[in-house]
Amino acid sequence: MAQRSKEEVLEYLGRAEVAAVGTSDMGTPRQRMMHFGTDKNFNMYVSSMKGDPKIIQWSNIPETAMLIHQGPTFMEMEEVEVIGRAEVIHNKEEREAAIELMNKRSPIVANFYKINATERLEFIRIRPFIVKYRFVPEILQGEKPTIFEFPENRFAFNAWDDVKAKARTWKEAIRPLSLTASLIPLLLGGAVAFSILHTINLSLFLLTLLGGVMIQAGTNMINDWKDAERDNENVEGIRPFTGGSRMIQLGLISRSDMGFFGILLSAVAALIGIYLVFVSGWGLIPLILYGLMAGMFYTGAKGKFSFINIAPGLAEFLIATTYGVLMTAGAFYVQTGYFSLQIFLLSLPVAIFITNVLLVNQFQDADADQKTGKNTLVVRIGKKRSKNILIGFFIAAYAIIALLPVSGFAPYALYFAFLSIPFAVQAIRYTQRNYNKAAVDLISGNAHTTIAHLFAGLLLVFAFILSGTGYVLPVLYLVASVLLVAWVWNYIERKRKTMNSFRLAIKKG
């Protein structure tokens, strides 16, 4: 049979319903059946939820293969193979055109369109490098396929786009949202020292912040490296709260690179710590060694040593002491050269809040963790008892905050931290209601627990900045804090609305 024309191949693509779309998963091909649309230039369009692993893959590794294959019998089978490069559509007019096309081609997009929720979807255009059409009887007779090539599409992409994509990948690997766990205690330690000294060594404080954030980022990456197999089996965890960064599972970063850079960040943080020891005093050494030990052995690969698997609550204790007591005390010591009972007591609410963040994030991962031998506290004692512990911890944290000013360990401005109580109440309410339900139902519980930790911690810092200087710095700090909380809240809300819209669209479908 003669070679097909563009119109004939486009007519076939108009009749076909779904395509096998191939991307990368841990360095190996992975396919998903997806509804698609095609324009007259053979640009292929698909759609999926914002935050979908497939979208993340395309944003970082855009090379894509598609196979459209159908026919009533084997001898009537037709197929089109497309090799090209994907791009997420951001231009408003191009996006509207993609919505119009996919609304006719995809039942899922049609459902989102009906409920006016297409903003929860991403639309992807796959620009073809080569399109091949085959017909089974002709293949069996050894005839050549019909081939269309698009060399102009190979040069339509800027190499700088790949650099930016790689930067986004490594940003996700360090889990920036989680870095507030180290930011809060370091800010608090510096603020308490400032309220006492009425001055601060800014260079040492910034170096302390950098070292603390780097050790947490390094720990995050080391945990991803060690937990790669477990996290690959976790199909229930909902980022940004659980299941690791999943950059390894998405094939965006190799496991060896994740481990190497995690250790490198930790090593640089250790060097910063050594420098701070020389300029501030030997009292930092036990804190640094403890933090490195906790980071390296908090979790481990299957069958390997980890604090999580030694005893119930030990890993949670390590997190509480590292990202609560030790970082607060360490930042204070760098400025003052000594430790105090006051700094220890002030660090306790922060330690309790971050423990609750860790605890509530374990609920979604519990089933996968149990299957893979990661014995977190929720796995060991169950979701109901863990939920009760979370509630008790919230009560304990605010009780300590209430007692510190009347005991003379803090200014009464510390009571500004009570402004975060509504978030804690909501965290308790959502967790109480959904602790034993599907992972997606717990997103609001995760969100409010995270915001309670962040907002309460920032307000604790505000109390000591307010008592250590005039009003310009406290006001500027408070504005920055509100903006940070608003940004984190907006980020979490986008994730929550995305999941709720997806469920609603599927239910109506």
Protein backbone atom coordinates (compact mmCIF):
# COMPACT_ATOMS: atom_id res chain seq x y z
CA MET A 1 0.00 0.00 0.00
CA ALA A 2 1.23 3.53 -0.69
CA GLN A 3 2.58 5.80 2.01
CA ARG A 4 -0.12 7.54 4.06
CA SER A 5 -0.72 11.25 3.86
CA LYS A 6 -0.76 13.52 6.91
CA GLU A 7 -4.54 13.73 6.64
CA GLU A 8 -4.91 9.93 6.71
CA VAL A 9 -2.69 9.55 9.78
CA LEU A 10 -4.46 12.44 11.53
CA GLU A 11 -7.79 10.77 10.73
CA TYR A 12 -6.58 7.61 12.45
CA LEU A 13 -5.39 9.59 15.47
CA GLY A 14 -8.83 11.18 15.65
CA ARG A 15 -10.41 7.73 15.88
CA ALA A 16 -7.99 6.40 18.51
CA GLU A 17 -8.95 7.03 22.14
CA VAL A 18 -5.88 6.42 24.29
CA ALA A 19 -2.10 6.23 24.00
CA ALA A 20 0.59 4.50 26.00
CA VAL A 21 2.74 7.40 27.17
CA GLY A 22 6.30 6.56 28.22
CA THR A 23 8.50 8.52 30.62
CA SER A 24 11.24 7.57 33.09
CA ASP A 25 10.97 5.87 36.48
CA MET A 26 14.20 5.23 38.40
CA GLY A 27 16.04 5.19 35.08
CA THR A 28 13.74 2.66 33.43
CA PRO A 29 10.82 3.33 31.04
CA ARG A 30 7.36 3.64 32.53
CA GLN A 31 4.11 3.85 30.61
CA ARG A 32 0.62 5.07 31.34
CA MET A 33 -2.48 4.85 29.19
CA MET A 34 -3.78 8.41 28.66
CA HIS A 35 -6.43 10.13 26.59
CA PHE A 36 -4.86 12.44 24.05
CA GLY A 37 -5.62 15.02 21.40
CA THR A 38 -3.76 16.02 18.24
CA ASP A 39 -3.56 19.21 16.22
CA LYS A 40 -2.89 19.49 12.49
CA ASN A 41 0.89 19.71 13.11
CA PHE A 42 0.96 16.39 14.99
CA ASN A 43 1.49 18.14 18.32
CA MET A 44 0.11 15.72 20.91
CA TYR A 45 -1.82 16.96 23.96
CA VAL A 46 -2.44 15.16 27.26
CA SER A 47 -3.60 16.29 30.69
CA SER A 48 -3.21 15.27 34.30
CA MET A 49 -3.48 16.63 37.83
CA LYS A 50 -1.11 19.30 39.06
CA GLY A 51 1.49 17.58 41.21
CA ASP A 52 1.00 14.24 39.43
CA PRO A 53 4.32 12.31 39.24
CA LYS A 54 3.91 12.24 35.48
CA ILE A 55 3.82 16.04 35.40
CA ILE A 56 6.89 16.23 37.63
CA GLN A 57 8.71 13.83 35.32
CA TRP A 58 7.82 15.89 32.27
CA SER A 59 8.94 19.09 33.98
CA ASN A 60 12.38 17.60 34.53
CA ILE A 61 12.88 14.89 31.88
CA PRO A 62 10.77 16.03 28.91
CA GLU A 63 11.76 13.30 26.43
CA THR A 64 8.60 11.28 25.72
CA ALA A 65 7.48 8.30 23.67
CA MET A 66 3.86 7.59 22.72
CA LEU A 67 2.31 4.51 21.14
CA ILE A 68 -1.26 4.55 19.81
CA HIS A 69 -2.32 1.03 18.85
CA GLN A 70 -5.82 -0.22 18.04
CA GLY A 71 -7.98 -2.23 15.63
CA PRO A 72 -10.87 -4.72 15.84
CA THR A 73 -8.65 -7.71 14.92
CA PHE A 74 -4.92 -8.32 14.77
CA MET A 75 -4.82 -8.10 10.97
CA GLU A 76 -6.63 -4.76 11.15
CA MET A 77 -4.33 -3.22 13.73
CA GLU A 78 -2.95 0.25 13.10
CA GLU A 79 -0.42 2.05 15.25
CA VAL A 80 1.35 5.37 15.48
CA GLU A 81 4.59 5.85 17.34
CA VAL A 82 5.59 9.35 18.42
CA ILE A 83 8.99 10.37 19.76
CA GLY A 84 9.21 13.93 21.02
CA ARG A 85 9.63 16.34 23.89
CA ALA A 86 6.95 17.41 26.35
CA GLU A 87 6.30 20.87 27.71
CA VAL A 88 3.79 22.06 30.28
CA ILE A 89 1.59 24.73 28.69
CA HIS A 90 1.62 28.03 30.59
CA ASN A 91 0.49 30.52 27.94
CA LYS A 92 -3.15 31.41 28.65
CA GLU A 93 -4.37 31.25 25.03
CA GLU A 94 -2.54 28.00 24.31
CA ARG A 95 -3.89 26.51 27.52
CA GLU A 96 -7.47 27.46 26.63
CA ALA A 97 -7.02 25.87 23.20
CA ALA A 98 -5.73 22.70 24.89
CA ILE A 99 -8.71 22.67 27.26
CA GLU A 100 -11.11 22.97 24.34
CA LEU A 101 -9.41 20.11 22.52
CA MET A 102 -9.10 17.79 25.52
CA ASN A 103 -12.63 18.54 26.72
CA LYS A 104 -13.80 16.64 23.64
CA ARG A 105 -11.20 13.88 23.91
CA SER A 106 -10.88 13.10 27.63
CA PRO A 107 -13.75 12.17 30.00
CA ILE A 108 -11.66 13.30 32.98
CA VAL A 109 -11.02 16.75 31.49
CA ALA A 110 -14.71 16.95 30.58
CA ASN A 111 -15.67 16.31 34.22
CA PHE A 112 -13.27 18.98 35.47
CA TYR A 113 -14.67 21.35 32.88
CA LYS A 114 -18.23 20.70 34.12
CA ILE A 115 -17.35 21.56 37.70
CA ASN A 116 -15.26 24.58 36.59
CA ALA A 117 -12.06 23.11 38.04
CA THR A 118 -9.72 22.94 35.05
CA GLU A 119 -7.27 25.14 36.97
CA ARG A 120 -6.43 21.96 38.92
CA LEU A 121 -5.14 20.36 35.74
CA GLU A 122 -1.92 20.71 33.82
CA PHE A 123 -1.97 20.46 30.04
CA ILE A 124 1.05 19.10 28.25
CA ARG A 125 2.04 19.48 24.64
CA ILE A 126 4.38 16.88 23.16
CA ARG A 127 6.16 18.33 20.16
CA PRO A 128 7.08 15.42 17.87
CA PHE A 129 10.56 14.80 16.52
CA ILE A 130 9.35 11.83 14.52
CA VAL A 131 5.94 10.23 13.84
CA LYS A 132 5.67 6.68 12.43
CA TYR A 133 2.49 5.08 11.14
CA ARG A 134 2.30 1.29 10.73
CA PHE A 135 -0.38 -1.14 9.51
CA VAL A 136 0.02 -4.77 10.67
CA PRO A 137 -0.46 -6.50 7.27
CA GLU A 138 2.14 -4.18 5.77
CA ILE A 139 4.55 -4.82 8.66
CA LEU A 140 4.21 -8.58 8.08
CA GLN A 141 5.01 -8.06 4.40
CA GLY A 142 8.14 -6.09 5.26
CA GLU A 143 6.91 -2.75 3.94
CA LYS A 144 8.29 0.48 5.34
CA PRO A 145 6.22 2.57 7.75
CA THR A 146 4.99 6.04 6.91
CA ILE A 147 7.39 8.49 8.58
CA PHE A 148 7.05 12.20 9.27
CA GLU A 149 10.03 14.08 10.70
CA PHE A 150 10.02 17.48 12.42
CA PRO A 151 13.64 18.65 12.70
CA GLU A 152 12.50 22.17 13.62
CA ASN A 153 11.07 20.82 16.91
CA ARG A 154 14.49 19.55 17.98
CA PHE A 155 15.76 23.14 18.00
CA ALA A 156 12.66 24.70 19.54
CA PHE A 157 13.95 24.19 23.08
CA ASN A 158 16.55 26.21 24.94
CA ALA A 159 19.34 24.34 26.72
CA TRP A 160 18.79 26.73 29.64
CA ASP A 161 15.40 25.07 30.18
CA ASP A 162 17.14 21.82 31.08
CA VAL A 163 19.38 23.64 33.56
CA LYS A 164 16.36 25.23 35.24
CA ALA A 165 14.60 21.86 35.30
CA LYS A 166 17.57 20.25 37.04
CA ALA A 167 17.63 23.09 39.58
CA ARG A 168 13.93 22.49 40.32
CA THR A 169 14.66 18.81 40.82
CA TRP A 170 17.36 19.43 43.41
CA LYS A 171 15.15 22.02 45.11
CA GLU A 172 12.49 19.33 45.57
CA ALA A 173 15.14 16.88 46.81
CA ILE A 174 16.00 19.08 49.79
CA ARG A 175 12.26 19.44 50.57
CA PRO A 176 12.22 23.22 51.17
CA LEU A 177 8.90 23.16 53.01
CA SER A 178 10.42 20.92 55.69
CA LEU A 179 13.35 23.29 56.34
CA THR A 180 11.20 25.32 58.72
CA ALA A 181 11.95 22.52 61.20
CA SER A 182 15.54 23.79 61.50
CA LEU A 183 14.75 27.47 60.83
CA ILE A 184 12.47 27.90 63.86
CA PRO A 185 14.81 26.65 66.63
CA LEU A 186 17.80 28.49 65.16
CA LEU A 187 15.84 31.75 65.01
CA LEU A 188 14.61 31.23 68.57
CA GLY A 189 18.10 30.60 69.94
CA GLY A 190 19.42 33.72 68.24
CA ALA A 191 16.45 35.82 69.40
CA VAL A 192 16.84 34.81 73.04
CA ALA A 193 20.54 35.67 72.90
CA PHE A 194 19.68 39.01 71.28
CA SER A 195 17.18 39.83 74.04
CA ILE A 196 19.92 39.27 76.64
CA LEU A 197 22.90 40.87 74.88
CA HIS A 198 20.96 43.57 72.98
CA THR A 199 23.27 42.84 70.07
CA ILE A 200 24.04 39.92 67.79
CA ASN A 201 27.06 38.73 65.82
CA LEU A 202 25.29 38.70 62.47
CA SER A 203 27.97 36.79 60.55
CA LEU A 204 28.04 33.98 63.11
CA PHE A 205 24.25 33.90 63.25
CA LEU A 206 23.94 33.61 59.46
CA LEU A 207 26.62 30.91 59.45
CA THR A 208 24.71 29.06 62.17
CA LEU A 209 21.52 29.28 60.10
CA LEU A 210 23.34 28.03 57.01
CA GLY A 211 24.91 25.09 58.84
CA GLY A 212 21.64 24.09 60.51
CA VAL A 213 19.62 24.25 57.30
CA MET A 214 22.33 22.34 55.41
CA ILE A 215 22.40 19.52 57.95
CA GLN A 216 18.62 19.15 57.65
CA ALA A 217 18.71 19.25 53.84
CA GLY A 218 21.51 16.69 53.90
CA THR A 219 19.53 14.51 56.31
CA ASN A 220 16.48 14.69 54.06
CA MET A 221 18.54 13.50 51.10
CA ILE A 222 20.27 10.75 53.11
CA ASN A 223 16.88 9.49 54.29
CA ASP A 224 15.64 9.46 50.66
CA TRP A 225 18.76 7.54 49.68
CA LYS A 226 18.30 4.95 52.41
CA ASP A 227 14.51 4.75 52.07
CA ALA A 228 14.43 4.54 48.26
CA GLU A 229 13.06 0.98 48.15
CA ARG A 230 10.51 1.61 50.90
CA ASP A 231 9.30 4.87 49.38
CA ASN A 232 9.00 3.21 45.98
CA GLU A 233 6.51 0.79 47.52
CA ASN A 234 4.58 3.60 49.22
CA VAL A 235 1.63 4.41 46.96
CA GLU A 236 -0.39 6.18 49.66
CA GLY A 237 1.88 8.95 50.89
CA ILE A 238 0.80 12.43 49.85
CA ARG A 239 3.54 14.95 49.29
CA PRO A 240 4.59 17.51 50.46
CA PHE A 241 4.11 15.88 53.88
CA THR A 242 5.04 12.23 53.43
CA GLY A 243 6.77 9.62 51.32
CA GLY A 244 10.04 11.51 50.86
CA SER A 245 10.81 13.78 47.92
CA ARG A 246 10.31 10.85 45.46
CA MET A 247 12.94 12.28 43.13
CA ILE A 248 14.62 8.86 43.00
CA GLN A 249 11.36 7.06 42.32
CA LEU A 250 10.54 9.50 39.52
CA GLY A 251 13.89 8.81 37.88
CA LEU A 252 14.92 12.47 38.25
CA ILE A 253 17.90 11.86 40.54
CA SER A 254 19.87 8.63 40.79
CA ARG A 255 20.01 6.94 44.16
CA SER A 256 23.80 7.25 44.25
CA ASP A 257 23.67 10.99 43.49
CA MET A 258 21.08 11.51 46.22
CA GLY A 259 23.27 9.74 48.76
CA PHE A 260 26.46 11.51 47.63
CA PHE A 261 25.03 15.02 47.82
CA GLY A 262 23.25 14.26 51.09
CA ILE A 263 26.55 13.21 52.65
CA LEU A 264 28.31 16.19 51.01
CA LEU A 265 25.83 18.67 52.50
CA SER A 266 26.17 17.03 55.90
CA ALA A 267 29.96 17.16 55.64
CA VAL A 268 29.93 20.87 54.76
CA ALA A 269 27.54 21.49 57.65
CA ALA A 270 29.96 19.60 59.91
CA LEU A 271 32.83 21.84 58.73
CA ILE A 272 30.74 24.92 59.53
CA GLY A 273 30.09 23.39 62.93
CA ILE A 274 33.82 22.84 63.51
CA TYR A 275 34.50 26.48 62.64
CA LEU A 276 31.79 27.60 65.07
CA VAL A 277 33.39 25.44 67.75
CA PHE A 278 36.70 27.27 67.34
CA VAL A 279 35.14 30.74 67.47
CA SER A 280 32.42 30.04 70.06
CA GLY A 281 33.59 27.25 72.34
CA TRP A 282 33.90 23.49 72.83
CA GLY A 283 30.41 23.21 74.20
CA LEU A 284 29.08 22.83 70.65
CA ILE A 285 30.91 19.54 70.04
CA PRO A 286 28.38 17.22 71.77
CA LEU A 287 25.51 18.98 69.94
CA ILE A 288 27.18 18.59 66.54
CA LEU A 289 28.05 14.93 67.10
CA TYR A 290 24.54 14.18 68.33
CA GLY A 291 22.98 15.89 65.30
CA LEU A 292 25.21 14.05 62.83
CA MET A 293 24.47 10.72 64.51
CA ALA A 294 20.74 11.36 64.44
CA GLY A 295 20.85 12.38 60.80
CA MET A 296 22.94 9.43 59.61
CA PHE A 297 21.13 6.70 61.54
CA TYR A 298 17.57 8.02 61.94
CA THR A 299 16.52 5.57 59.24
CA GLY A 300 18.29 2.84 57.29
CA ALA A 301 17.91 0.64 54.25
CA LYS A 302 15.98 -2.59 54.66
CA GLY A 303 17.61 -4.77 57.27
CA LYS A 304 20.13 -2.09 58.27
CA PHE A 305 20.60 -0.34 61.59
CA SER A 306 18.29 2.61 62.29
CA PHE A 307 17.01 4.34 65.41
CA ILE A 308 13.45 3.97 64.13
CA ASN A 309 13.64 0.21 64.56
CA ILE A 310 15.40 0.06 67.93
CA ALA A 311 12.63 1.07 70.32
CA PRO A 312 9.26 2.86 70.26
CA GLY A 313 9.61 6.63 70.35
CA LEU A 314 13.41 6.71 70.10
CA ALA A 315 13.45 8.19 66.61
CA GLU A 316 10.81 10.75 67.61
CA PHE A 317 12.92 11.66 70.64
CA LEU A 318 15.92 12.19 68.36
CA ILE A 319 13.93 14.54 66.15
CA ALA A 320 12.52 16.45 69.14
CA THR A 321 15.92 16.93 70.72
CA THR A 322 17.74 17.74 67.47
CA TYR A 323 15.18 20.11 65.89
CA GLY A 324 14.00 21.46 69.21
CA VAL A 325 16.45 21.50 72.10
CA LEU A 326 19.87 21.19 70.46
CA MET A 327 19.43 23.63 67.59
CA THR A 328 17.88 26.24 69.89
CA ALA A 329 20.61 25.80 72.48
CA GLY A 330 23.33 25.71 69.81
CA ALA A 331 22.28 29.00 68.21
CA PHE A 332 22.12 30.55 71.68
CA TYR A 333 25.57 29.21 72.62
CA VAL A 334 27.22 30.58 69.46
CA GLN A 335 26.17 34.09 70.51
CA THR A 336 26.64 33.86 74.28
CA GLY A 337 29.25 31.15 74.89
CA TYR A 338 27.12 29.36 77.50
CA PHE A 339 23.98 27.26 77.98
CA SER A 340 21.19 28.01 80.43
CA LEU A 341 18.09 26.49 81.98
CA GLN A 342 16.07 29.22 80.30
CA ILE A 343 17.10 28.22 76.77
CA PHE A 344 16.39 24.57 77.56
CA LEU A 345 12.87 25.34 78.80
CA LEU A 346 12.12 27.66 75.88
CA SER A 347 13.14 24.96 73.42
CA LEU A 348 10.61 22.45 74.78
CA PRO A 349 7.50 23.79 72.99
CA VAL A 350 9.41 23.83 69.70
CA ALA A 351 10.56 20.26 70.33
CA ILE A 352 6.99 19.15 71.01
CA PHE A 353 5.55 20.94 67.96
CA ILE A 354 8.08 19.38 65.59
CA THR A 355 7.43 15.96 67.12
CA ASN A 356 3.75 16.40 66.27
CA VAL A 357 4.66 17.30 62.68
CA LEU A 358 6.69 14.10 62.43
CA LEU A 359 3.96 12.08 64.12
CA VAL A 360 1.04 13.24 61.97
CA ASN A 361 3.10 12.67 58.80
CA GLN A 362 3.53 9.02 59.79
CA PHE A 363 -0.19 8.27 59.50
CA GLN A 364 -0.29 8.25 55.67
CA ASP A 365 2.88 6.18 55.45
CA ALA A 366 1.89 3.70 58.16
CA ASP A 367 0.70 0.84 55.94
CA ALA A 368 3.66 1.10 53.56
CA ASP A 369 6.09 1.46 56.48
CA GLN A 370 4.71 -1.64 58.15
CA LYS A 371 5.08 -3.69 54.96
CA THR A 372 8.66 -2.59 54.49
CA GLY A 373 9.84 -2.95 58.08
CA LYS A 374 10.05 0.73 58.99
CA ASN A 375 8.73 0.64 62.55
CA THR A 376 7.68 4.20 63.22
CA LEU A 377 5.73 5.04 66.37
CA VAL A 378 2.42 4.95 64.49
CA VAL A 379 3.28 1.48 63.15
CA ARG A 380 4.21 0.26 66.63
CA ILE A 381 1.32 1.57 68.72
CA GLY A 382 -1.37 2.13 66.11
CA LYS A 383 -3.11 5.18 64.70
CA LYS A 384 -5.63 5.68 67.49
CA ARG A 385 -3.07 5.80 70.30
CA SER A 386 -0.75 7.94 68.17
CA LYS A 387 -3.61 10.37 67.57
CA ASN A 388 -4.16 10.66 71.32
CA ILE A 389 -0.44 11.33 71.83
CA LEU A 390 -0.58 14.12 69.24
CA ILE A 391 -3.47 15.76 71.09
CA GLY A 392 -1.64 15.43 74.41
CA PHE A 393 1.50 16.95 72.96
CA PHE A 394 -0.39 20.01 71.70
CA ILE A 395 -1.83 20.53 75.17
CA ALA A 396 1.60 20.10 76.77
CA ALA A 397 3.28 22.58 74.39
CA TYR A 398 0.79 25.36 75.09
CA ALA A 399 0.84 24.59 78.82
CA ILE A 400 4.61 25.12 78.86
CA ILE A 401 4.22 28.40 76.96
CA ALA A 402 1.63 29.50 79.52
CA LEU A 403 3.92 28.70 82.47
CA LEU A 404 7.20 30.20 81.21
CA PRO A 405 6.33 33.92 81.65
CA VAL A 406 4.77 33.50 85.10
CA SER A 407 7.86 31.49 86.12
CA GLY A 408 10.16 34.32 85.07
CA PHE A 409 11.78 32.51 82.13
CA ALA A 410 10.20 34.56 79.36
CA PRO A 411 8.50 37.90 78.74
CA TYR A 412 4.71 38.02 78.76
CA ALA A 413 4.92 38.77 75.06
CA LEU A 414 5.41 35.00 74.75
CA TYR A 415 1.63 34.76 74.92
CA PHE A 416 1.51 36.02 71.34
CA ALA A 417 2.20 32.35 70.53
CA PHE A 418 -1.39 31.60 71.57
CA LEU A 419 -2.46 33.17 68.26
CA SER A 420 -1.46 29.84 66.72
CA ILE A 421 -3.96 27.88 68.83
CA PRO A 422 -6.72 27.95 66.16
CA PHE A 423 -4.40 26.01 63.84
CA ALA A 424 -3.67 23.48 66.57
CA VAL A 425 -7.39 23.08 67.29
CA GLN A 426 -8.06 22.46 63.61
CA ALA A 427 -5.17 20.00 63.46
CA ILE A 428 -6.69 18.07 66.35
CA ARG A 429 -10.16 18.20 64.82
CA TYR A 430 -9.09 16.94 61.41
CA THR A 431 -6.81 14.26 62.85
CA GLN A 432 -9.49 13.09 65.30
CA ARG A 433 -11.95 12.78 62.43
CA ASN A 434 -9.70 11.25 59.78
CA TYR A 435 -6.80 9.45 61.49
CA ASN A 436 -7.98 6.05 60.30
CA LYS A 437 -9.20 7.07 56.83
CA ALA A 438 -7.50 7.33 53.45
CA ALA A 439 -4.25 9.26 53.15
CA VAL A 440 -5.84 12.14 51.26
CA ASP A 441 -8.34 12.72 54.09
CA LEU A 442 -5.48 13.55 56.45
CA ILE A 443 -4.04 16.37 54.33
CA SER A 444 -5.84 19.05 56.37
CA GLY A 445 -4.54 17.49 59.59
CA ASN A 446 -1.01 17.56 58.20
CA ALA A 447 -1.43 21.13 57.03
CA HIS A 448 -2.72 22.56 60.31
CA THR A 449 -0.09 20.73 62.37
CA THR A 450 2.65 22.14 60.13
CA ILE A 451 1.26 25.67 60.31
CA ALA A 452 0.83 25.42 64.11
CA HIS A 453 4.53 24.56 64.45
CA LEU A 454 5.62 27.32 62.09
CA PHE A 455 3.34 30.08 63.39
CA ALA A 456 3.85 29.30 67.08
CA GLY A 457 7.62 29.14 66.59
CA LEU A 458 7.76 32.44 64.72
CA LEU A 459 5.68 34.10 67.44
CA LEU A 460 8.00 32.75 70.16
CA VAL A 461 10.86 34.40 68.30
CA PHE A 462 8.83 37.61 67.98
CA ALA A 463 8.40 37.79 71.76
CA PHE A 464 12.17 37.96 72.30
CA ILE A 465 12.87 40.32 69.43
CA LEU A 466 10.22 42.62 70.90
CA SER A 467 11.91 42.57 74.30
CA GLY A 468 15.40 43.11 72.91
CA THR A 469 15.09 46.31 70.86
CA GLY A 470 12.72 49.00 69.62
CA TYR A 471 9.72 48.46 67.37
CA VAL A 472 11.06 48.74 63.81
CA LEU A 473 12.80 45.36 63.76
CA PRO A 474 9.92 43.50 65.48
CA VAL A 475 7.37 44.97 63.05
CA LEU A 476 9.49 44.05 60.02
CA TYR A 477 10.00 40.56 61.42
CA LEU A 478 6.30 40.13 62.11
CA VAL A 479 5.37 41.18 58.57
CA ALA A 480 7.94 38.74 57.14
CA SER A 481 6.60 35.98 59.41
CA VAL A 482 3.01 36.53 58.32
CA LEU A 483 4.09 36.46 54.67
CA LEU A 484 6.00 33.21 55.23
CA VAL A 485 3.02 31.59 56.96
CA ALA A 486 0.73 32.81 54.17
CA TRP A 487 3.06 31.37 51.53
CA VAL A 488 3.24 27.98 53.25
CA TRP A 489 -0.51 27.97 53.79
CA ASN A 490 -1.18 28.84 50.16
CA TYR A 491 1.19 26.08 49.02
CA ILE A 492 -0.55 23.51 51.18
CA GLU A 493 -4.01 24.72 50.16
CA ARG A 494 -3.14 24.25 46.49
CA LYS A 495 -2.20 20.65 47.21
CA ARG A 496 -5.37 20.05 49.20
CA LYS A 497 -7.67 21.59 46.60
CA THR A 498 -5.95 19.63 43.85
CA MET A 499 -6.67 16.33 45.59
CA ASN A 500 -10.25 17.31 46.47
CA SER A 501 -10.97 18.42 42.90
CA PHE A 502 -9.56 15.19 41.57
CA ARG A 503 -11.78 13.10 43.83
CA LEU A 504 -14.82 15.19 42.98
CA ALA A 505 -14.20 14.91 39.25
CA ILE A 506 -13.71 11.15 39.45
CA LYS A 507 -16.82 10.76 41.61
CA LYS A 508 -18.98 12.73 39.16
CA GLY A 509 -17.52 10.73 36.30
